[in-house]
């Protein structure tokens, strides 16, 4: 059953006034059929409300993003953590085999660099990261500006040799996923 539009609006406004960053889409989903009415209320509110001053982390994250740098790297560095510290915390916090530390590190570096889709990362991973680097999930969701580029094509004179050129990549559909793959690629 959908929640009352006015109760949801009050909850959103109170969270916003406390300096939190409530997600409008979450409230709109909870409103059910009242989503359009709630959207109008929220739109009017955020247009009239004072914008809270950003904290130092937010300023640093926006700066990193504007420079095309991954915000999660900035956030980790601001906490004085090395990649190895984060990897160690993930291995221990998730109860993973220490022998797979290198694989965890590769996945974490891909996540940190914006090369891994944050939605595919398990909530247990985000839980460990969030305790070590608060705001990690939000920072990982930020993406640097896309650079528009022209398409590049490879011409192969012999059509028979084309499949051999692509042979270096493994097909993920044919590979068996282990626990670490599932934690970083399929949400758990």
Protein backbone atom coordinates (compact mmCIF):
# COMPACT_ATOMS: atom_id res chain seq x y z
CA UNK A 1 0.00 0.00 0.00
CA UNK A 2 1.29 3.44 -0.93
CA UNK A 3 2.19 5.81 1.87
CA UNK A 4 0.55 9.18 2.42
CA UNK A 5 1.91 11.85 0.09
CA UNK A 6 2.03 14.43 2.87
CA UNK A 7 3.82 12.08 5.29
CA UNK A 8 6.39 11.29 2.61
CA UNK A 9 6.82 15.00 1.86
CA UNK A 10 7.33 15.76 5.56
CA UNK A 11 9.88 12.94 5.85
CA UNK A 12 11.77 14.19 2.77
CA UNK A 13 11.74 17.82 3.92
CA UNK A 14 12.94 16.88 7.42
CA UNK A 15 15.82 14.82 6.01
CA UNK A 16 16.77 17.66 3.66
CA UNK A 17 16.65 20.19 6.51
CA UNK A 18 18.99 17.97 8.58
CA UNK A 19 21.57 18.24 5.78
CA UNK A 20 21.00 14.74 4.44
CA UNK A 21 20.66 14.10 0.74
CA UNK A 22 17.35 12.25 0.43
CA UNK A 23 16.78 10.51 -2.88
CA UNK A 24 13.55 11.78 -4.46
CA UNK A 25 13.07 8.64 -6.55
CA UNK A 26 12.86 6.52 -3.40
CA UNK A 27 10.07 8.69 -2.02
CA UNK A 28 8.27 8.75 -5.36
CA UNK A 29 8.32 4.94 -5.53
CA UNK A 30 6.91 4.77 -2.02
CA UNK A 31 4.10 7.18 -2.99
CA UNK A 32 2.62 4.77 -5.52
CA UNK A 33 -0.28 6.44 -7.33
CA UNK A 34 0.42 9.68 -5.46
CA UNK A 35 3.85 10.01 -7.10
CA UNK A 36 2.82 12.86 -9.40
CA UNK A 37 1.41 14.89 -6.52
CA UNK A 38 4.51 14.22 -4.41
CA UNK A 39 6.76 15.17 -7.34
CA UNK A 40 5.06 18.57 -7.56
CA UNK A 41 5.48 19.12 -3.81
CA UNK A 42 9.14 18.09 -3.86
CA UNK A 43 9.89 20.23 -6.90
CA UNK A 44 8.42 23.30 -5.23
CA UNK A 45 10.28 22.55 -2.02
CA UNK A 46 13.74 22.12 -3.52
CA UNK A 47 13.30 25.24 -5.63
CA UNK A 48 12.49 27.30 -2.53
CA UNK A 49 14.77 25.63 0.03
CA UNK A 50 18.22 26.91 0.79
CA UNK A 51 20.93 24.71 -0.60
CA UNK A 52 23.01 23.36 2.28
CA UNK A 53 26.68 24.27 2.21
CA UNK A 54 28.77 21.36 0.92
CA UNK A 55 31.20 19.65 3.26
CA UNK A 56 34.91 19.27 2.45
CA UNK A 57 34.49 15.75 1.07
CA UNK A 58 31.78 16.90 -1.34
CA UNK A 59 33.95 19.77 -2.57
CA UNK A 60 36.88 17.38 -3.10
CA UNK A 61 34.66 14.85 -4.91
CA UNK A 62 33.26 17.47 -7.26
CA UNK A 63 36.78 18.77 -7.90
CA UNK A 64 37.98 15.27 -8.76
CA UNK A 65 34.98 14.70 -11.00
CA UNK A 66 35.53 18.02 -12.84
CA UNK A 67 39.15 17.06 -13.45
CA UNK A 68 38.04 13.71 -14.88
CA UNK A 69 39.43 11.78 -11.90
CA UNK A 70 37.52 8.97 -10.16
CA UNK A 71 35.93 10.42 -7.00
CA UNK A 72 36.36 7.16 -5.06
CA UNK A 73 40.15 7.48 -5.42
CA UNK A 74 39.95 11.00 -3.98
CA UNK A 75 37.75 9.87 -1.09
CA UNK A 76 40.08 6.98 -0.18
CA UNK A 77 43.17 9.19 -0.40
CA UNK A 78 41.55 11.87 1.79
CA UNK A 79 41.15 9.20 4.47
CA UNK A 80 44.86 8.35 4.24
CA UNK A 81 44.17 4.82 3.05
CA UNK A 82 46.18 2.82 0.56
CA UNK A 83 44.57 0.41 -1.90
CA UNK A 84 46.19 -2.42 0.07
CA UNK A 85 44.41 -1.23 3.25
CA UNK A 86 41.04 -1.36 1.51
CA UNK A 87 41.75 -4.76 -0.05
CA UNK A 88 42.79 -6.17 3.34
CA UNK A 89 39.59 -4.84 4.91
CA UNK A 90 37.51 -6.40 2.11
CA UNK A 91 39.20 -9.80 2.40
CA UNK A 92 38.77 -9.87 6.19
CA UNK A 93 35.35 -8.21 6.31
CA UNK A 94 33.87 -10.52 3.68
CA UNK A 95 35.57 -13.65 5.04
CA UNK A 96 37.37 -14.33 1.76
CA UNK A 97 40.31 -16.62 1.15
CA UNK A 98 43.50 -14.57 1.64
CA UNK A 99 45.05 -16.34 -1.35
CA UNK A 100 42.55 -14.48 -3.57
CA UNK A 101 43.73 -11.06 -2.38
CA UNK A 102 45.14 -10.21 -5.84
CA UNK A 103 41.77 -10.85 -7.49
CA UNK A 104 39.98 -8.71 -4.89
CA UNK A 105 42.54 -5.97 -5.53
CA UNK A 106 41.95 -6.09 -9.30
CA UNK A 107 38.21 -5.79 -8.82
CA UNK A 108 38.54 -3.00 -6.27
CA UNK A 109 40.86 -1.02 -8.54
CA UNK A 110 38.40 -1.42 -11.42
CA UNK A 111 35.60 -0.23 -9.13
CA UNK A 112 37.66 2.68 -7.84
CA UNK A 113 38.65 3.69 -11.36
CA UNK A 114 35.05 3.77 -12.58
CA UNK A 115 35.54 0.71 -14.78
CA UNK A 116 33.14 -1.53 -12.87
CA UNK A 117 29.40 -0.96 -12.70
CA UNK A 118 28.54 -0.06 -9.07
CA UNK A 119 25.07 -1.60 -9.38
CA UNK A 120 26.65 -5.05 -9.84
CA UNK A 121 28.59 -4.85 -6.58
CA UNK A 122 27.07 -6.73 -3.64
CA UNK A 123 25.69 -4.79 -0.69
CA UNK A 124 28.04 -6.72 1.60
CA UNK A 125 30.99 -5.21 -0.30
CA UNK A 126 29.45 -1.74 0.02
CA UNK A 127 28.93 -2.36 3.73
CA UNK A 128 32.62 -3.08 4.30
CA UNK A 129 33.69 -0.17 2.08
CA UNK A 130 31.21 2.17 3.74
CA UNK A 131 32.66 1.51 7.18
CA UNK A 132 36.18 2.18 5.91
CA UNK A 133 35.42 4.95 3.41
CA UNK A 134 32.06 6.58 4.21
CA UNK A 135 30.34 7.69 1.02
CA UNK A 136 32.12 5.08 -1.13
CA UNK A 137 28.97 3.86 -2.87
CA UNK A 138 27.86 7.37 -3.80
CA UNK A 139 31.38 8.30 -4.95
CA UNK A 140 31.61 5.19 -7.13
CA UNK A 141 28.33 6.10 -8.82
CA UNK A 142 29.78 9.41 -10.06
CA UNK A 143 31.18 9.17 -13.56
CA UNK A 144 33.76 11.44 -15.22
CA UNK A 145 32.70 13.40 -18.26
CA UNK A 146 32.47 11.36 -21.41
CA UNK A 147 35.00 12.33 -24.06
CA UNK A 148 33.46 12.31 -27.49
CA UNK A 149 35.63 10.43 -29.92
CA UNK A 150 35.40 9.18 -33.43
CA UNK A 151 34.93 5.51 -34.16
CA UNK A 152 38.02 3.51 -35.07
CA UNK A 153 37.88 0.57 -37.42
CA UNK A 154 40.30 -2.25 -38.11
CA UNK A 155 40.48 -3.50 -41.65
CA UNK A 156 41.52 -7.05 -42.13
CA UNK A 157 42.43 -8.09 -45.63
CA UNK A 158 41.79 -11.73 -44.92
CA UNK A 159 38.32 -12.35 -43.44
CA UNK A 160 39.55 -15.71 -42.14
CA UNK A 161 42.01 -14.03 -39.75
CA UNK A 162 39.41 -11.78 -38.07
CA UNK A 163 38.28 -14.36 -35.47
CA UNK A 164 41.90 -14.98 -34.50
CA UNK A 165 42.33 -11.29 -33.65
CA UNK A 166 39.49 -11.47 -31.14
CA UNK A 167 40.70 -14.73 -29.62
CA UNK A 168 42.50 -13.11 -26.67
CA UNK A 169 39.32 -12.37 -24.71
CA UNK A 170 37.54 -14.97 -22.68
CA UNK A 171 33.80 -15.22 -23.00
CA UNK A 172 32.34 -14.50 -19.54
CA UNK A 173 29.27 -16.59 -20.33
CA UNK A 174 31.43 -19.69 -20.65
CA UNK A 175 33.51 -19.05 -17.53
CA UNK A 176 32.54 -20.30 -14.09
CA UNK A 177 32.08 -17.37 -11.68
CA UNK A 178 33.59 -17.76 -8.23
CA UNK A 179 32.55 -16.01 -5.01
CA UNK A 180 34.66 -12.93 -5.72
CA UNK A 181 33.27 -12.57 -9.26
CA UNK A 182 29.74 -12.73 -7.88
CA UNK A 183 30.50 -10.13 -5.19
CA UNK A 184 31.77 -7.61 -7.74
CA UNK A 185 29.75 -8.46 -10.86
CA UNK A 186 26.34 -9.79 -9.96
CA UNK A 187 25.38 -8.12 -6.71
CA UNK A 188 26.24 -10.95 -4.41
